[in-house]
N, C-alpha and C. Protein backbone atom coordinates (compact mmCIF):
# COMPACT_ATOMS: atom_id res chain seq x y z
N UNK A 1 13.49 -13.09 18.85
CA UNK A 1 12.75 -13.81 19.78
C UNK A 1 13.39 -14.00 20.99
N UNK A 2 12.88 -13.91 22.18
CA UNK A 2 13.62 -13.93 23.64
C UNK A 2 12.95 -14.90 24.33
N UNK A 3 13.73 -15.20 25.55
CA UNK A 3 12.93 -16.07 26.56
C UNK A 3 12.36 -15.43 27.79
N UNK A 4 12.14 -13.94 27.56
CA UNK A 4 11.55 -13.28 28.57
C UNK A 4 10.20 -13.64 29.09
N UNK A 5 9.79 -13.73 30.10
CA UNK A 5 8.79 -14.24 30.56
C UNK A 5 7.66 -12.82 30.76
N UNK A 6 6.74 -12.83 30.28
CA UNK A 6 5.77 -11.62 30.29
C UNK A 6 4.86 -11.93 31.39
N UNK A 7 4.46 -11.25 32.28
CA UNK A 7 3.49 -11.64 33.36
C UNK A 7 1.99 -11.72 32.65
N UNK A 8 1.24 -12.89 33.18
CA UNK A 8 -0.08 -12.83 32.59
C UNK A 8 -1.02 -12.31 33.84
N UNK A 9 -1.95 -11.58 33.42
CA UNK A 9 -2.65 -10.96 34.33
C UNK A 9 -3.58 -12.18 34.96
N UNK A 10 -3.87 -11.95 36.34
CA UNK A 10 -4.58 -13.06 36.98
C UNK A 10 -5.56 -12.30 37.87
N UNK A 11 -6.74 -12.66 37.81
CA UNK A 11 -8.00 -12.11 38.40
C UNK A 11 -7.93 -12.57 39.87
N UNK A 12 -8.77 -11.96 40.70
CA UNK A 12 -8.88 -12.09 41.97
C UNK A 12 -9.54 -13.50 42.41
N UNK A 13 -10.37 -13.90 41.31
CA UNK A 13 -11.08 -15.43 41.47
C UNK A 13 -9.91 -16.42 41.24
N UNK A 14 -8.89 -16.16 40.43
CA UNK A 14 -7.91 -17.07 40.13
C UNK A 14 -7.14 -17.13 41.36
N UNK A 15 -6.83 -16.13 41.89
CA UNK A 15 -5.95 -16.04 43.23
C UNK A 15 -6.61 -17.10 44.23
N UNK A 16 -7.74 -16.54 44.43
CA UNK A 16 -8.71 -17.27 45.47
C UNK A 16 -8.65 -18.73 45.25
N UNK A 17 -8.83 -19.26 43.95
CA UNK A 17 -8.80 -20.69 43.87
C UNK A 17 -7.57 -21.23 43.90
N UNK A 18 -6.52 -20.46 43.74
CA UNK A 18 -5.13 -20.90 43.94
C UNK A 18 -4.77 -21.10 45.35
N UNK A 19 -5.15 -20.10 46.15
CA UNK A 19 -5.22 -20.19 47.74
C UNK A 19 -5.85 -21.43 48.24
N UNK A 20 -7.01 -21.51 47.69
CA UNK A 20 -7.81 -22.81 48.13
C UNK A 20 -7.18 -24.03 47.87
N UNK A 21 -6.77 -24.27 46.68
CA UNK A 21 -6.08 -25.40 46.40
C UNK A 21 -4.79 -25.82 47.17
N UNK A 22 -4.10 -24.78 47.43
CA UNK A 22 -2.83 -24.80 48.30
C UNK A 22 -3.22 -25.19 49.92
N UNK A 23 -4.52 -24.57 50.26
CA UNK A 23 -5.04 -24.88 51.52
C UNK A 23 -5.42 -26.16 51.66
N UNK A 24 -6.01 -26.93 50.57
CA UNK A 24 -6.45 -28.26 50.69
C UNK A 24 -5.25 -29.09 50.51
N UNK A 25 -4.34 -28.76 49.76
CA UNK A 25 -2.91 -29.74 49.57
C UNK A 25 -2.30 -29.61 50.95
N UNK A 26 -2.32 -28.65 51.76
CA UNK A 26 -1.66 -28.73 52.85
C UNK A 26 -2.29 -29.36 54.12
N UNK A 27 -3.63 -29.46 53.96
CA UNK A 27 -4.39 -30.28 54.74
C UNK A 27 -3.91 -31.90 54.87
N UNK A 28 -3.16 -32.31 53.78
CA UNK A 28 -2.78 -33.81 53.85
C UNK A 28 -1.46 -33.90 54.51
N UNK A 29 -0.74 -32.67 54.87
CA UNK A 29 0.38 -32.82 55.77
C UNK A 29 0.22 -33.08 57.09
N UNK A 30 1.08 -33.77 57.57
CA UNK A 30 1.19 -33.93 59.05
C UNK A 30 0.79 -35.48 59.46
N UNK A 31 0.48 -35.70 60.86
CA UNK A 31 0.35 -36.93 61.20
C UNK A 31 -0.87 -36.93 62.06
N UNK A 32 -1.32 -38.25 62.44
CA UNK A 32 -2.45 -38.56 63.59
C UNK A 32 -2.08 -39.84 63.99
N UNK A 33 -2.23 -39.94 65.40
CA UNK A 33 -1.84 -40.94 66.22
C UNK A 33 -2.90 -41.94 66.03
N UNK A 34 -2.66 -43.21 66.59
CA UNK A 34 -3.76 -44.33 66.43
C UNK A 34 -4.88 -44.08 67.15
N UNK A 35 -4.99 -43.61 68.21
CA UNK A 35 -6.32 -43.44 69.12
C UNK A 35 -7.02 -42.17 68.47
N UNK A 36 -6.46 -41.19 67.91
CA UNK A 36 -7.17 -40.13 67.42
C UNK A 36 -7.87 -40.60 66.10
N UNK A 37 -6.95 -41.53 65.25
CA UNK A 37 -7.42 -41.99 64.08
C UNK A 37 -8.56 -42.83 64.25
N UNK A 38 -8.74 -43.87 65.19
CA UNK A 38 -9.67 -44.68 65.60
C UNK A 38 -10.89 -43.87 65.91
N UNK A 39 -10.84 -42.61 66.68
CA UNK A 39 -11.94 -41.99 67.06
C UNK A 39 -12.39 -41.39 65.97
N UNK A 40 -11.64 -40.83 65.20
CA UNK A 40 -12.07 -40.09 63.70
C UNK A 40 -12.91 -41.00 62.87
N UNK A 41 -12.38 -42.25 62.84
CA UNK A 41 -12.90 -43.28 61.91
C UNK A 41 -14.46 -43.66 62.52
N UNK A 42 -14.34 -43.78 63.72
CA UNK A 42 -15.72 -44.17 64.25
C UNK A 42 -16.71 -42.98 64.21
N UNK A 43 -16.38 -41.78 64.36
CA UNK A 43 -17.33 -40.77 64.13
C UNK A 43 -17.66 -40.72 62.45
N UNK A 44 -16.74 -40.78 61.70
CA UNK A 44 -17.11 -40.96 60.19
C UNK A 44 -17.85 -41.97 60.11
N UNK A 45 -17.67 -43.25 60.59
CA UNK A 45 -18.73 -44.39 60.36
C UNK A 45 -20.22 -43.97 60.76
N UNK A 46 -20.14 -43.27 61.98
CA UNK A 46 -21.52 -42.83 62.56
C UNK A 46 -22.15 -41.81 61.59
N UNK A 47 -21.48 -40.99 60.99
CA UNK A 47 -21.82 -40.00 60.17
C UNK A 47 -22.54 -40.61 58.91
N UNK A 48 -21.80 -41.63 58.25
CA UNK A 48 -22.11 -42.27 57.14
C UNK A 48 -23.35 -43.01 57.33
N UNK A 49 -23.35 -43.71 58.47
CA UNK A 49 -24.65 -44.43 58.76
C UNK A 49 -25.83 -43.65 59.00
N UNK A 50 -25.69 -42.72 59.76
CA UNK A 50 -26.77 -41.78 59.90
C UNK A 50 -27.29 -41.14 58.57
N UNK A 51 -26.47 -40.83 57.69
CA UNK A 51 -26.75 -40.32 56.40
C UNK A 51 -27.62 -41.39 55.63
N UNK A 52 -26.99 -42.45 55.69
CA UNK A 52 -27.73 -43.73 55.16
C UNK A 52 -29.34 -43.81 55.56
N UNK A 53 -29.45 -43.84 57.01
CA UNK A 53 -30.86 -43.95 57.64
C UNK A 53 -31.59 -42.81 57.21
N UNK A 54 -31.03 -41.47 57.04
CA UNK A 54 -31.82 -40.49 56.82
C UNK A 54 -32.21 -40.45 55.20
N UNK A 55 -31.37 -40.73 54.43
CA UNK A 55 -31.64 -41.10 52.95
C UNK A 55 -32.80 -42.15 52.80
N UNK A 56 -32.55 -43.27 53.42
CA UNK A 56 -33.84 -44.35 53.57
C UNK A 56 -35.06 -44.02 53.89
N UNK A 57 -34.91 -43.23 55.07
CA UNK A 57 -36.50 -43.10 55.80
C UNK A 57 -37.17 -41.76 55.38
N UNK A 58 -36.13 -40.65 55.29
CA UNK A 58 -37.07 -39.40 55.16
C UNK A 58 -36.79 -38.80 53.77
N UNK A 59 -35.67 -39.15 52.84
CA UNK A 59 -35.42 -38.49 51.71
C UNK A 59 -35.95 -39.39 50.60
N UNK A 60 -36.62 -40.42 50.82
CA UNK A 60 -37.11 -41.41 49.73
C UNK A 60 -37.90 -40.60 48.66
N UNK A 61 -38.90 -39.67 49.36
CA UNK A 61 -39.63 -38.93 48.21
C UNK A 61 -39.45 -37.44 48.50
N UNK A 62 -38.16 -37.05 48.92
CA UNK A 62 -37.88 -35.74 48.95
C UNK A 62 -37.41 -35.16 47.69
N UNK A 63 -37.33 -33.91 47.47
CA UNK A 63 -37.02 -32.99 46.48
C UNK A 63 -35.41 -33.09 46.30
N UNK A 64 -34.83 -32.72 44.93
CA UNK A 64 -33.63 -32.87 44.61
C UNK A 64 -32.59 -31.94 45.88
N UNK A 65 -33.18 -30.94 46.22
CA UNK A 65 -32.06 -29.99 47.05
C UNK A 65 -31.75 -30.72 48.23
N UNK A 66 -32.60 -31.58 49.00
CA UNK A 66 -32.21 -32.36 49.96
C UNK A 66 -31.39 -33.50 49.80
N UNK A 67 -31.57 -34.12 48.52
CA UNK A 67 -30.57 -35.02 48.32
C UNK A 67 -29.28 -34.35 47.93
N UNK A 68 -29.12 -33.17 47.29
CA UNK A 68 -27.79 -32.61 46.93
C UNK A 68 -27.26 -32.17 48.27
N UNK A 69 -27.91 -31.87 49.27
CA UNK A 69 -27.45 -31.53 50.55
C UNK A 69 -26.90 -32.77 51.19
N UNK A 70 -27.61 -33.89 51.18
CA UNK A 70 -26.93 -34.88 51.74
C UNK A 70 -25.73 -35.57 51.01
N UNK A 71 -25.83 -35.39 49.61
CA UNK A 71 -24.63 -35.62 48.84
C UNK A 71 -23.28 -34.94 49.30
N UNK A 72 -23.48 -33.59 49.48
CA UNK A 72 -22.50 -32.86 49.90
C UNK A 72 -21.84 -33.17 51.21
N UNK A 73 -22.69 -33.48 52.16
CA UNK A 73 -22.32 -34.21 53.47
C UNK A 73 -21.66 -35.32 53.26
N UNK A 74 -22.03 -36.38 52.32
CA UNK A 74 -21.44 -37.53 51.97
C UNK A 74 -20.13 -37.21 51.61
N UNK A 75 -19.84 -36.47 50.46
CA UNK A 75 -18.62 -36.00 49.96
C UNK A 75 -17.60 -35.32 50.94
N UNK A 76 -18.22 -34.49 51.99
CA UNK A 76 -17.35 -33.90 52.86
C UNK A 76 -16.75 -34.93 53.93
N UNK A 77 -17.45 -35.90 54.32
CA UNK A 77 -17.08 -37.00 55.14
C UNK A 77 -16.04 -37.94 54.54
N UNK A 78 -16.34 -38.19 53.30
CA UNK A 78 -15.40 -39.06 52.52
C UNK A 78 -14.13 -38.46 52.42
N UNK A 79 -14.11 -37.10 52.19
CA UNK A 79 -12.79 -36.38 52.10
C UNK A 79 -12.22 -36.41 53.55
N UNK A 80 -12.89 -36.05 54.46
CA UNK A 80 -12.44 -36.12 55.90
C UNK A 80 -11.82 -37.59 55.96
N UNK A 81 -12.40 -38.61 55.51
CA UNK A 81 -11.81 -40.02 55.91
C UNK A 81 -10.46 -40.26 55.04
N UNK A 82 -10.43 -39.62 53.90
CA UNK A 82 -9.43 -39.84 53.03
C UNK A 82 -8.26 -39.11 53.91
N UNK A 83 -8.38 -37.79 54.17
CA UNK A 83 -7.49 -37.02 54.80
C UNK A 83 -7.00 -37.72 56.20
N UNK A 84 -7.60 -38.33 56.88
CA UNK A 84 -7.32 -39.04 58.07
C UNK A 84 -6.45 -40.19 57.75
N UNK A 85 -6.86 -41.05 56.63
CA UNK A 85 -5.92 -42.41 56.24
C UNK A 85 -4.55 -41.80 55.66
N UNK A 86 -4.53 -40.75 54.86
CA UNK A 86 -3.40 -40.34 54.44
C UNK A 86 -2.51 -39.89 55.71
N UNK A 87 -3.07 -39.01 56.70
CA UNK A 87 -2.18 -38.58 57.74
C UNK A 87 -1.52 -39.78 58.67
N UNK A 88 -2.37 -40.78 58.61
CA UNK A 88 -2.17 -41.90 59.57
C UNK A 88 -1.00 -42.78 58.69
N UNK A 89 -0.98 -42.68 57.45
CA UNK A 89 0.06 -43.44 56.73
C UNK A 89 1.32 -42.63 56.87
N UNK A 90 1.04 -41.29 57.04
CA UNK A 90 2.25 -40.28 57.11
C UNK A 90 2.92 -40.52 58.61
N UNK A 91 1.98 -40.69 59.60
CA UNK A 91 2.40 -41.16 61.11
C UNK A 91 3.33 -42.28 60.90
N UNK A 92 3.01 -43.29 60.09
CA UNK A 92 3.76 -44.41 60.13
C UNK A 92 4.91 -44.70 59.30
N UNK A 93 5.38 -43.21 58.81
CA UNK A 93 6.42 -43.10 57.96
C UNK A 93 6.20 -43.82 56.45
N UNK A 94 5.00 -43.69 56.04
CA UNK A 94 4.58 -44.28 54.70
C UNK A 94 3.88 -43.21 53.91
N UNK A 95 3.96 -43.43 52.64
CA UNK A 95 3.27 -42.47 51.72
C UNK A 95 1.87 -42.56 51.68
N UNK A 96 1.36 -41.43 51.63
CA UNK A 96 -0.20 -41.35 51.80
C UNK A 96 -0.97 -42.11 50.56
N UNK A 97 -0.12 -42.30 49.47
CA UNK A 97 -0.67 -42.99 48.19
C UNK A 97 -1.20 -44.34 48.45
N UNK A 98 -0.89 -44.80 49.43
CA UNK A 98 -1.14 -45.89 49.87
C UNK A 98 -2.73 -46.32 50.23
N UNK A 99 -3.35 -44.90 50.39
CA UNK A 99 -4.93 -44.99 50.45
C UNK A 99 -5.52 -45.75 49.36
N UNK A 100 -4.87 -45.57 48.10
CA UNK A 100 -5.47 -46.36 46.85
C UNK A 100 -5.30 -47.76 46.94
N UNK A 101 -4.14 -48.09 47.53
CA UNK A 101 -3.96 -49.67 47.75
C UNK A 101 -5.09 -50.16 48.72
N UNK A 102 -5.56 -49.29 49.50
CA UNK A 102 -6.52 -49.82 50.49
C UNK A 102 -8.03 -49.82 49.90
N UNK A 103 -7.94 -48.45 49.41
CA UNK A 103 -9.68 -48.25 48.87
C UNK A 103 -10.04 -49.07 47.58
N UNK A 104 -9.21 -49.06 46.56
CA UNK A 104 -9.43 -49.83 45.23
C UNK A 104 -9.84 -51.20 45.28
N UNK A 105 -8.97 -51.94 45.82
CA UNK A 105 -9.27 -53.54 46.11
C UNK A 105 -10.76 -53.91 46.70
N UNK A 106 -11.19 -52.91 47.66
CA UNK A 106 -12.30 -53.13 48.33
C UNK A 106 -13.52 -52.68 47.36
N UNK A 107 -13.32 -51.70 46.66
CA UNK A 107 -14.34 -51.19 45.74
C UNK A 107 -14.43 -52.22 44.69
N UNK A 108 -13.29 -52.76 44.05
CA UNK A 108 -13.26 -53.90 43.07
C UNK A 108 -14.06 -55.11 43.45
N UNK A 109 -13.51 -55.62 44.66
CA UNK A 109 -14.21 -56.71 45.50
C UNK A 109 -15.76 -56.66 45.59
N UNK A 110 -16.15 -55.49 45.95
CA UNK A 110 -17.60 -55.25 45.95
C UNK A 110 -18.24 -55.39 44.54
N UNK A 111 -17.60 -54.88 43.49
CA UNK A 111 -18.15 -55.09 42.32
C UNK A 111 -18.08 -56.53 41.66
N UNK A 112 -17.15 -57.21 42.12
CA UNK A 112 -16.95 -58.59 41.79
C UNK A 112 -17.94 -59.49 42.46
N UNK A 113 -18.21 -59.47 43.84
CA UNK A 113 -19.10 -60.03 44.58
C UNK A 113 -20.49 -59.92 44.05
N UNK A 114 -20.59 -58.68 43.48
CA UNK A 114 -22.04 -58.67 43.05
C UNK A 114 -22.16 -59.17 41.77
N UNK A 115 -21.10 -59.38 40.68
CA UNK A 115 -21.26 -59.97 39.47
C UNK A 115 -21.21 -61.32 39.60
N UNK A 116 -20.26 -61.91 40.53
CA UNK A 116 -19.86 -63.24 40.45
C UNK A 116 -19.97 -63.87 41.97
N UNK A 117 -21.07 -63.87 42.63
CA UNK A 117 -21.24 -64.35 43.99
C UNK A 117 -20.60 -65.60 44.35
N UNK A 118 -20.40 -66.51 43.28
CA UNK A 118 -19.92 -67.79 43.66
C UNK A 118 -18.33 -67.71 43.86
N UNK A 119 -17.87 -66.68 43.16
CA UNK A 119 -16.34 -66.64 43.33
C UNK A 119 -15.94 -65.74 44.61
N UNK A 120 -16.29 -66.18 45.85
CA UNK A 120 -16.13 -65.39 47.11
C UNK A 120 -14.62 -65.63 47.40
N UNK A 121 -13.92 -66.58 46.94
CA UNK A 121 -12.42 -66.66 47.50
C UNK A 121 -11.63 -65.49 46.41
N UNK A 122 -12.04 -65.19 45.40
CA UNK A 122 -11.42 -63.99 44.63
C UNK A 122 -11.24 -62.81 45.32
N UNK A 123 -12.57 -62.46 45.72
CA UNK A 123 -12.52 -61.28 46.47
C UNK A 123 -11.97 -61.24 47.87
N UNK A 124 -11.77 -62.33 48.46
CA UNK A 124 -11.02 -62.53 49.72
C UNK A 124 -9.60 -62.31 49.32
N UNK A 125 -9.08 -62.84 48.31
CA UNK A 125 -7.66 -62.85 47.80
C UNK A 125 -7.35 -61.43 47.61
N UNK A 126 -8.46 -60.86 46.91
CA UNK A 126 -8.08 -59.38 46.26
C UNK A 126 -7.99 -58.66 47.51
N UNK A 127 -8.64 -58.65 48.69
CA UNK A 127 -8.60 -57.84 49.88
C UNK A 127 -7.52 -58.07 50.70
N UNK A 128 -6.89 -59.34 50.62
CA UNK A 128 -5.96 -59.46 51.67
C UNK A 128 -4.92 -58.70 51.96
N UNK A 129 -4.20 -57.92 50.99
CA UNK A 129 -3.38 -56.76 51.28
C UNK A 129 -3.97 -55.59 51.93
N UNK A 130 -5.15 -55.06 51.47
CA UNK A 130 -5.82 -54.02 51.96
C UNK A 130 -6.33 -54.11 53.37
N UNK A 131 -6.71 -55.52 53.88
CA UNK A 131 -6.88 -55.77 55.09
C UNK A 131 -5.89 -55.70 55.97
N UNK A 132 -4.83 -56.20 55.47
CA UNK A 132 -3.61 -55.95 56.27
C UNK A 132 -3.11 -54.64 56.58
N UNK A 133 -3.25 -53.69 55.46
CA UNK A 133 -3.13 -52.41 55.47
C UNK A 133 -3.98 -51.62 56.64
N UNK A 134 -5.25 -52.00 56.45
CA UNK A 134 -6.08 -51.38 57.24
C UNK A 134 -5.86 -51.83 58.79
N UNK A 135 -5.52 -52.98 59.01
CA UNK A 135 -5.22 -53.39 60.36
C UNK A 135 -4.02 -52.54 60.88
N UNK A 136 -2.93 -52.32 60.01
CA UNK A 136 -1.83 -51.38 60.40
C UNK A 136 -2.19 -50.04 60.89
N UNK A 137 -3.20 -49.44 60.11
CA UNK A 137 -3.59 -48.19 60.38
C UNK A 137 -4.09 -48.10 61.83
N UNK A 138 -4.79 -49.11 62.41
CA UNK A 138 -5.12 -49.20 63.74
C UNK A 138 -4.44 -49.70 64.74
N UNK A 139 -3.52 -50.55 64.40
CA UNK A 139 -2.36 -51.08 65.33
C UNK A 139 -1.05 -50.60 65.39
N UNK A 140 -0.45 -50.49 64.35
CA UNK A 140 0.84 -50.02 64.39
C UNK A 140 1.26 -48.79 64.95
N UNK A 141 2.25 -48.49 65.61
CA UNK A 141 2.56 -47.30 66.43
C UNK A 141 3.32 -46.38 65.22
N UNK A 142 3.16 -45.20 65.38
CA UNK A 142 3.63 -44.25 64.35
C UNK A 142 5.44 -44.29 64.58
N UNK A 143 6.03 -43.38 63.78
CA UNK A 143 7.25 -43.37 63.89
C UNK A 143 7.63 -42.05 64.84
N UNK A 144 8.93 -42.10 65.43
CA UNK A 144 9.32 -41.09 66.27
C UNK A 144 9.89 -40.02 65.41
N UNK A 145 9.98 -38.73 66.06
CA UNK A 145 10.58 -37.68 65.48
C UNK A 145 9.83 -37.16 64.23
N UNK A 146 10.39 -36.16 63.51
CA UNK A 146 9.50 -35.59 62.25
C UNK A 146 9.76 -36.44 61.19
N UNK A 147 8.29 -36.37 60.75
CA UNK A 147 8.15 -37.37 59.45
C UNK A 147 8.68 -36.67 58.40
N UNK A 148 8.99 -37.48 57.35
CA UNK A 148 9.41 -36.76 56.06
C UNK A 148 8.26 -36.13 55.39
N UNK A 149 7.03 -36.42 55.61
CA UNK A 149 5.51 -35.96 55.22
C UNK A 149 5.32 -34.54 55.80
N UNK A 150 5.85 -34.26 56.89
CA UNK A 150 5.52 -33.02 57.57
C UNK A 150 6.27 -31.74 56.91
N UNK A 151 5.65 -30.64 56.86
CA UNK A 151 6.08 -29.22 56.45
C UNK A 151 7.13 -28.84 57.64
N UNK A 152 8.34 -28.43 57.01
CA UNK A 152 9.33 -28.00 57.85
C UNK A 152 9.44 -26.52 57.52
N UNK A 153 9.60 -25.78 58.57
CA UNK A 153 9.77 -24.27 58.41
C UNK A 153 11.00 -23.97 57.87
N UNK A 154 11.23 -22.74 57.27
CA UNK A 154 12.65 -22.52 56.86
C UNK A 154 13.53 -22.04 58.11
N UNK A 155 14.81 -22.53 58.21
CA UNK A 155 15.70 -22.17 59.12
C UNK A 155 15.85 -20.50 59.29
N UNK A 156 15.99 -20.19 60.48
CA UNK A 156 16.05 -18.75 60.86
C UNK A 156 17.42 -18.27 60.55
N UNK A 157 17.59 -16.98 59.86
CA UNK A 157 18.76 -16.73 59.36
C UNK A 157 19.48 -15.72 60.27
């Protein structure tokens, strides 16, 4: 018995998938300034609002392919928003995982207010930290210099 590694054959489809996954992962690196972030969030909000209006007005009795197309557009816009929030956290020198600290309490508060409308103070308390983080995304300036979340090129030899 040996510890030698024998190469496993990899198909071209698997290679393409690997390249795509690496491409997606590298999209989360980098930074975005406050003004650009605010502009991107405004555009994303307009896209979400437009999709909602189109779904309510025109897609009410539409066939499933149109709903699928609008769903793909919503998913793409949601990915874009997540990408911008992560980059903005990176610009502030913080980890992009704080995205979850922003999004999950808002989602949970929405569920709680639907189930227990009389307990409004619970969802306000639940959203205090995410509201503070969200305000920081729009107000706080970024860090100077290279962020620890940016890809650095290998030094020239």
